[in-house]
């Protein structure tokens, strides 16, 4: 069984936040390689993951009005 399933929603949220704020050395290196290659990363909330919302977020991030 997945050990995270035993945690409450608040505990899972806190653990996820800690992982975002304290990445492993391998994650830091991967992000460095992505940013150095010219990739832009955007964070999208689950509630905003519809096609229309994603298209709008990408247009804004890329600076296009199409």
PDB file of N, CA and C in Angstrom:
ATOM      1  N   UNK A   1       0.838  -1.187   0.000  1.00  0.00           N
ATOM      2  CA  UNK A   1       0.000   0.000   0.000  1.00  0.00           C
ATOM      3  C   UNK A   1       0.883   1.251   0.000  1.00  0.00           C
ATOM      4  N   UNK A   2       0.435   2.243  -0.701  1.00  0.00           N
ATOM      5  CA  UNK A   2       1.150   3.515  -0.778  1.00  0.00           C
ATOM      6  C   UNK A   2       1.140   4.188   0.600  1.00  0.00           C
ATOM      7  N   UNK A   3       2.311   4.489   1.162  1.00  0.00           N
ATOM      8  CA  UNK A   3       2.340   5.097   2.497  1.00  0.00           C
ATOM      9  C   UNK A   3       1.680   6.469   2.548  1.00  0.00           C
ATOM     10  N   UNK A   4       1.616   7.172   1.419  1.00  0.00           N
ATOM     11  CA  UNK A   4       0.979   8.497   1.429  1.00  0.00           C
ATOM     12  C   UNK A   4      -0.531   8.401   1.593  1.00  0.00           C
ATOM     13  N   UNK A   5      -1.118   7.267   1.252  1.00  0.00           N
ATOM     14  CA  UNK A   5      -2.580   7.117   1.410  1.00  0.00           C
ATOM     15  C   UNK A   5      -3.014   7.148   2.861  1.00  0.00           C
ATOM     16  N   UNK A   6      -2.101   6.826   3.758  1.00  0.00           N
ATOM     17  CA  UNK A   6      -2.440   6.835   5.187  1.00  0.00           C
ATOM     18  C   UNK A   6      -2.472   8.246   5.766  1.00  0.00           C
ATOM     19  N   UNK A   7      -1.936   9.207   5.045  1.00  0.00           N
ATOM     20  CA  UNK A   7      -1.864  10.581   5.535  1.00  0.00           C
ATOM     21  C   UNK A   7      -3.173  11.315   5.278  1.00  0.00           C
ATOM     22  N   UNK A   8      -3.461  12.278   6.110  1.00  0.00           N
ATOM     23  CA  UNK A   8      -4.630  13.124   5.877  1.00  0.00           C
ATOM     24  C   UNK A   8      -4.342  14.048   4.692  1.00  0.00           C
ATOM     25  N   UNK A   9      -5.363  14.679   4.192  1.00  0.00           N
ATOM     26  CA  UNK A   9      -5.198  15.599   3.063  1.00  0.00           C
ATOM     27  C   UNK A   9      -4.239  16.734   3.441  1.00  0.00           C
ATOM     28  N   UNK A  10      -4.355  17.235   4.651  1.00  0.00           N
ATOM     29  CA  UNK A  10      -3.473  18.325   5.097  1.00  0.00           C
ATOM     30  C   UNK A  10      -2.019  17.862   5.163  1.00  0.00           C
ATOM     31  N   UNK A  11      -1.809  16.619   5.632  1.00  0.00           N
ATOM     32  CA  UNK A  11      -0.443  16.094   5.704  1.00  0.00           C
ATOM     33  C   UNK A  11       0.135  15.864   4.307  1.00  0.00           C
ATOM     34  N   UNK A  12      -0.689  15.377   3.366  1.00  0.00           N
ATOM     35  CA  UNK A  12      -0.223  15.188   1.989  1.00  0.00           C
ATOM     36  C   UNK A  12       0.131  16.533   1.367  1.00  0.00           C
ATOM     37  N   UNK A  13      -0.694  17.546   1.606  1.00  0.00           N
ATOM     38  CA  UNK A  13      -0.437  18.886   1.082  1.00  0.00           C
ATOM     39  C   UNK A  13       0.876  19.430   1.633  1.00  0.00           C
ATOM     40  N   UNK A  14       1.092  19.268   2.943  1.00  0.00           N
ATOM     41  CA  UNK A  14       2.319  19.759   3.577  1.00  0.00           C
ATOM     42  C   UNK A  14       3.535  19.036   3.011  1.00  0.00           C
ATOM     43  N   UNK A  15       3.424  17.732   2.795  1.00  0.00           N
ATOM     44  CA  UNK A  15       4.547  16.972   2.250  1.00  0.00           C
ATOM     45  C   UNK A  15       4.833  17.390   0.812  1.00  0.00           C
ATOM     46  N   UNK A  16       3.786  17.607   0.019  1.00  0.00           N
ATOM     47  CA  UNK A  16       3.978  18.049  -1.366  1.00  0.00           C
ATOM     48  C   UNK A  16       4.639  19.425  -1.401  1.00  0.00           C
ATOM     49  N   UNK A  17       4.214  20.316  -0.528  1.00  0.00           N
ATOM     50  CA  UNK A  17       4.817  21.651  -0.457  1.00  0.00           C
ATOM     51  C   UNK A  17       6.290  21.551  -0.097  1.00  0.00           C
ATOM     52  N   UNK A  18       6.613  20.700   0.856  1.00  0.00           N
ATOM     53  CA  UNK A  18       8.015  20.530   1.259  1.00  0.00           C
ATOM     54  C   UNK A  18       8.850  20.007   0.099  1.00  0.00           C
ATOM     55  N   UNK A  19       8.302  19.086  -0.675  1.00  0.00           N
ATOM     56  CA  UNK A  19       9.038  18.555  -1.825  1.00  0.00           C
ATOM     57  C   UNK A  19       9.254  19.623  -2.888  1.00  0.00           C
ATOM     58  N   UNK A  20       8.274  20.500  -3.079  1.00  0.00           N
ATOM     59  CA  UNK A  20       8.434  21.588  -4.060  1.00  0.00           C
ATOM     60  C   UNK A  20       9.504  22.573  -3.616  1.00  0.00           C
ATOM     61  N   UNK A  21       9.552  22.844  -2.323  1.00  0.00           N
ATOM     62  CA  UNK A  21      10.490  23.839  -1.813  1.00  0.00           C
ATOM     63  C   UNK A  21      11.883  23.279  -1.552  1.00  0.00           C
ATOM     64  N   UNK A  22      12.006  21.966  -1.487  1.00  0.00           N
ATOM     65  CA  UNK A  22      13.296  21.330  -1.208  1.00  0.00           C
ATOM     66  C   UNK A  22      13.543  20.211  -2.220  1.00  0.00           C
ATOM     67  N   UNK A  23      13.803  20.564  -3.472  1.00  0.00           N
ATOM     68  CA  UNK A  23      14.002  19.523  -4.487  1.00  0.00           C
ATOM     69  C   UNK A  23      15.291  18.738  -4.237  1.00  0.00           C
ATOM     70  N   UNK A  24      15.315  17.523  -4.757  1.00  0.00           N
ATOM     71  CA  UNK A  24      16.523  16.711  -4.652  1.00  0.00           C
ATOM     72  C   UNK A  24      17.583  17.294  -5.583  1.00  0.00           C
ATOM     73  N   UNK A  25      18.844  16.937  -5.392  1.00  0.00           N
ATOM     74  CA  UNK A  25      19.890  17.423  -6.304  1.00  0.00           C
ATOM     75  C   UNK A  25      19.601  17.060  -7.761  1.00  0.00           C
ATOM     76  N   UNK A  26      19.065  15.865  -7.991  1.00  0.00           N
ATOM     77  CA  UNK A  26      18.753  15.453  -9.362  1.00  0.00           C
ATOM     78  C   UNK A  26      17.664  16.342  -9.968  1.00  0.00           C
ATOM     79  N   UNK A  27      16.639  16.692  -9.166  1.00  0.00           N
ATOM     80  CA  UNK A  27      15.577  17.582  -9.666  1.00  0.00           C
ATOM     81  C   UNK A  27      16.131  18.971  -9.972  1.00  0.00           C
ATOM     82  N   UNK A  28      16.972  19.492  -9.085  1.00  0.00           N
ATOM     83  CA  UNK A  28      17.571  20.812  -9.341  1.00  0.00           C
ATOM     84  C   UNK A  28      18.367  20.794 -10.644  1.00  0.00           C
ATOM     85  N   UNK A  29      19.109  19.733 -10.865  1.00  0.00           N
ATOM     86  CA  UNK A  29      19.906  19.620 -12.088  1.00  0.00           C
ATOM     87  C   UNK A  29      18.996  19.543 -13.315  1.00  0.00           C
ATOM     88  N   UNK A  30      17.916  18.756 -13.222  1.00  0.00           N
ATOM     89  CA  UNK A  30      16.986  18.634 -14.350  1.00  0.00           C
ATOM     90  C   UNK A  30      16.360  19.980 -14.693  1.00  0.00           C
ATOM     91  N   UNK A  31      15.924  20.716 -13.658  1.00  0.00           N
ATOM     92  CA  UNK A  31      15.327  22.023 -13.921  1.00  0.00           C
ATOM     93  C   UNK A  31      16.344  22.972 -14.542  1.00  0.00           C
ATOM     94  N   UNK A  32      17.589  22.900 -14.106  1.00  0.00           N
ATOM     95  CA  UNK A  32      18.640  23.744 -14.673  1.00  0.00           C
ATOM     96  C   UNK A  32      18.830  23.435 -16.150  1.00  0.00           C
ATOM     97  N   UNK A  33      18.815  22.159 -16.488  1.00  0.00           N
ATOM     98  CA  UNK A  33      18.968  21.769 -17.890  1.00  0.00           C
ATOM     99  C   UNK A  33      17.783  22.234 -18.735  1.00  0.00           C
ATOM    100  N   UNK A  34      16.559  22.149 -18.164  1.00  0.00           N
ATOM    101  CA  UNK A  34      15.375  22.612 -18.898  1.00  0.00           C
ATOM    102  C   UNK A  34      15.425  24.100 -19.132  1.00  0.00           C
ATOM    103  N   UNK A  35      15.722  25.025 -17.996  1.00  0.00           N
ATOM    104  CA  UNK A  35      15.699  26.454 -18.109  1.00  0.00           C
ATOM    105  C   UNK A  35      16.751  26.882 -19.109  1.00  0.00           C
ATOM    106  N   UNK A  36      18.127  26.149 -19.030  1.00  0.00           N
ATOM    107  CA  UNK A  36      19.258  26.442 -19.918  1.00  0.00           C
ATOM    108  C   UNK A  36      18.940  26.164 -21.373  1.00  0.00           C
ATOM    109  N   UNK A  37      17.975  25.221 -21.609  1.00  0.00           N
ATOM    110  CA  UNK A  37      17.586  24.855 -22.978  1.00  0.00           C
ATOM    111  C   UNK A  37      16.506  25.801 -23.513  1.00  0.00           C
ATOM    112  N   UNK A  38      16.067  26.744 -22.688  1.00  0.00           N
ATOM    113  CA  UNK A  38      15.078  27.710 -23.153  1.00  0.00           C
ATOM    114  C   UNK A  38      13.630  27.342 -22.877  1.00  0.00           C
ATOM    115  N   UNK A  39      13.395  26.281 -22.097  1.00  0.00           N
ATOM    116  CA  UNK A  39      12.024  25.899 -21.774  1.00  0.00           C
ATOM    117  C   UNK A  39      11.467  26.824 -20.712  1.00  0.00           C
ATOM    118  N   UNK A  40      10.181  27.116 -20.824  1.00  0.00           N
ATOM    119  CA  UNK A  40       9.484  27.861 -19.777  1.00  0.00           C
ATOM    120  C   UNK A  40       8.518  26.904 -19.115  1.00  0.00           C
ATOM    121  N   UNK A  41       8.445  26.954 -17.821  1.00  0.00           N
ATOM    122  CA  UNK A  41       7.574  26.058 -17.070  1.00  0.00           C
ATOM    123  C   UNK A  41       6.507  26.895 -16.395  1.00  0.00           C
ATOM    124  N   UNK A  42       5.269  26.467 -16.545  1.00  0.00           N
ATOM    125  CA  UNK A  42       4.170  27.148 -15.868  1.00  0.00           C
ATOM    126  C   UNK A  42       3.478  26.140 -14.966  1.00  0.00           C
ATOM    127  N   UNK A  43       2.971  26.606 -13.854  1.00  0.00           N
ATOM    128  CA  UNK A  43       2.236  25.757 -12.921  1.00  0.00           C
ATOM    129  C   UNK A  43       0.747  26.022 -13.139  1.00  0.00           C
ATOM    130  N   UNK A  44      -0.005  24.948 -13.274  1.00  0.00           N
ATOM    131  CA  UNK A  44      -1.453  25.044 -13.516  1.00  0.00           C
ATOM    132  C   UNK A  44      -2.178  24.269 -12.428  1.00  0.00           C
ATOM    133  N   UNK A  45      -3.146  24.930 -11.790  1.00  0.00           N
ATOM    134  CA  UNK A  45      -3.951  24.241 -10.784  1.00  0.00           C
ATOM    135  C   UNK A  45      -4.869  23.236 -11.464  1.00  0.00           C
ATOM    136  N   UNK A  46      -5.223  22.168 -10.775  1.00  0.00           N
ATOM    137  CA  UNK A  46      -6.092  21.144 -11.351  1.00  0.00           C
ATOM    138  C   UNK A  46      -7.405  21.729 -11.846  1.00  0.00           C
ATOM    139  N   UNK A  47      -7.951  22.679 -11.106  1.00  0.00           N
ATOM    140  CA  UNK A  47      -9.254  23.236 -11.512  1.00  0.00           C
ATOM    141  C   UNK A  47      -9.145  24.060 -12.794  1.00  0.00           C
ATOM    142  N   UNK A  48      -7.931  24.456 -13.160  1.00  0.00           N
ATOM    143  CA  UNK A  48      -7.719  25.239 -14.373  1.00  0.00           C
ATOM    144  C   UNK A  48      -7.220  24.385 -15.535  1.00  0.00           C
ATOM    145  N   UNK A  49      -7.308  23.075 -15.409  1.00  0.00           N
ATOM    146  CA  UNK A  49      -6.729  22.192 -16.423  1.00  0.00           C
ATOM    147  C   UNK A  49      -7.697  21.831 -17.546  1.00  0.00           C
ATOM    148  N   UNK A  50      -8.653  22.692 -17.833  1.00  0.00           N
ATOM    149  CA  UNK A  50      -9.524  22.460 -18.987  1.00  0.00           C
ATOM    150  C   UNK A  50      -8.795  22.952 -20.234  1.00  0.00           C
ATOM    151  N   UNK A  51      -9.261  22.532 -21.384  1.00  0.00           N
ATOM    152  CA  UNK A  51      -8.607  22.932 -22.636  1.00  0.00           C
ATOM    153  C   UNK A  51      -8.554  24.449 -22.789  1.00  0.00           C
ATOM    154  N   UNK A  52      -9.665  25.122 -22.494  1.00  0.00           N
ATOM    155  CA  UNK A  52      -9.718  26.573 -22.657  1.00  0.00           C
ATOM    156  C   UNK A  52      -8.747  27.275 -21.709  1.00  0.00           C
ATOM    157  N   UNK A  53      -8.732  26.837 -20.458  1.00  0.00           N
ATOM    158  CA  UNK A  53      -7.831  27.462 -19.491  1.00  0.00           C
ATOM    159  C   UNK A  53      -6.372  27.228 -19.853  1.00  0.00           C
ATOM    160  N   UNK A  54      -6.051  26.004 -20.281  1.00  0.00           N
ATOM    161  CA  UNK A  54      -4.662  25.718 -20.654  1.00  0.00           C
ATOM    162  C   UNK A  54      -4.228  26.535 -21.865  1.00  0.00           C
ATOM    163  N   UNK A  55      -5.106  26.645 -22.858  1.00  0.00           N
ATOM    164  CA  UNK A  55      -4.770  27.446 -24.040  1.00  0.00           C
ATOM    165  C   UNK A  55      -4.531  28.898 -23.656  1.00  0.00           C
ATOM    166  N   UNK A  56      -5.382  29.442 -22.792  1.00  0.00           N
ATOM    167  CA  UNK A  56      -5.223  30.831 -22.366  1.00  0.00           C
ATOM    168  C   UNK A  56      -3.921  31.010 -21.585  1.00  0.00           C
ATOM    169  N   UNK A  57      -3.610  30.069 -20.690  1.00  0.00           N
ATOM    170  CA  UNK A  57      -2.375  30.166 -19.907  1.00  0.00           C
ATOM    171  C   UNK A  57      -1.150  30.086 -20.806  1.00  0.00           C
ATOM    172  N   UNK A  58      -1.190  29.203 -21.791  1.00  0.00           N
ATOM    173  CA  UNK A  58      -0.057  29.084 -22.708  1.00  0.00           C
ATOM    174  C   UNK A  58       0.087  30.328 -23.577  1.00  0.00           C
ATOM    175  N   UNK A  59      -1.044  30.869 -24.063  1.00  0.00           N
ATOM    176  CA  UNK A  59      -0.975  32.107 -24.848  1.00  0.00           C
ATOM    177  C   UNK A  59      -0.344  33.235 -24.034  1.00  0.00           C
ATOM    178  N   UNK A  60      -0.761  33.344 -22.775  1.00  0.00           N
ATOM    179  CA  UNK A  60      -0.215  34.388 -21.913  1.00  0.00           C
ATOM    180  C   UNK A  60       1.279  34.175 -21.670  1.00  0.00           C
ATOM    181  N   UNK A  61       1.655  32.947 -21.383  1.00  0.00           N
ATOM    182  CA  UNK A  61       3.068  32.640 -21.111  1.00  0.00           C
ATOM    183  C   UNK A  61       3.944  32.869 -22.338  1.00  0.00           C
ATOM    184  N   UNK A  62       3.399  32.584 -23.522  1.00  0.00           N
ATOM    185  CA  UNK A  62       4.164  32.736 -24.748  1.00  0.00           C
ATOM    186  C   UNK A  62       4.046  34.129 -25.353  1.00  0.00           C
ATOM    187  N   UNK A  63       3.127  34.927 -24.814  1.00  0.00           N
ATOM    188  CA  UNK A  63       2.968  36.291 -25.313  1.00  0.00           C
ATOM    189  C   UNK A  63       2.289  36.365 -26.663  1.00  0.00           C
ATOM    190  N   UNK A  64       1.387  35.428 -26.949  1.00  0.00           N
ATOM    191  CA  UNK A  64       0.654  35.448 -28.212  1.00  0.00           C
ATOM    192  C   UNK A  64      -0.811  35.762 -27.948  1.00  0.00           C
ATOM    193  N   UNK A  65      -1.448  36.354 -28.913  1.00  0.00           N
ATOM    194  CA  UNK A  65      -2.865  36.739 -28.775  1.00  0.00           C
ATOM    195  C   UNK A  65      -3.776  35.946 -29.684  1.00  0.00           C
ATOM    196  N   UNK A  66      -3.274  34.919 -30.291  1.00  0.00           N
ATOM    197  CA  UNK A  66      -4.035  34.145 -31.265  1.00  0.00           C
ATOM    198  C   UNK A  66      -5.235  33.492 -30.692  1.00  0.00           C
TER     199      UNK A  66
END
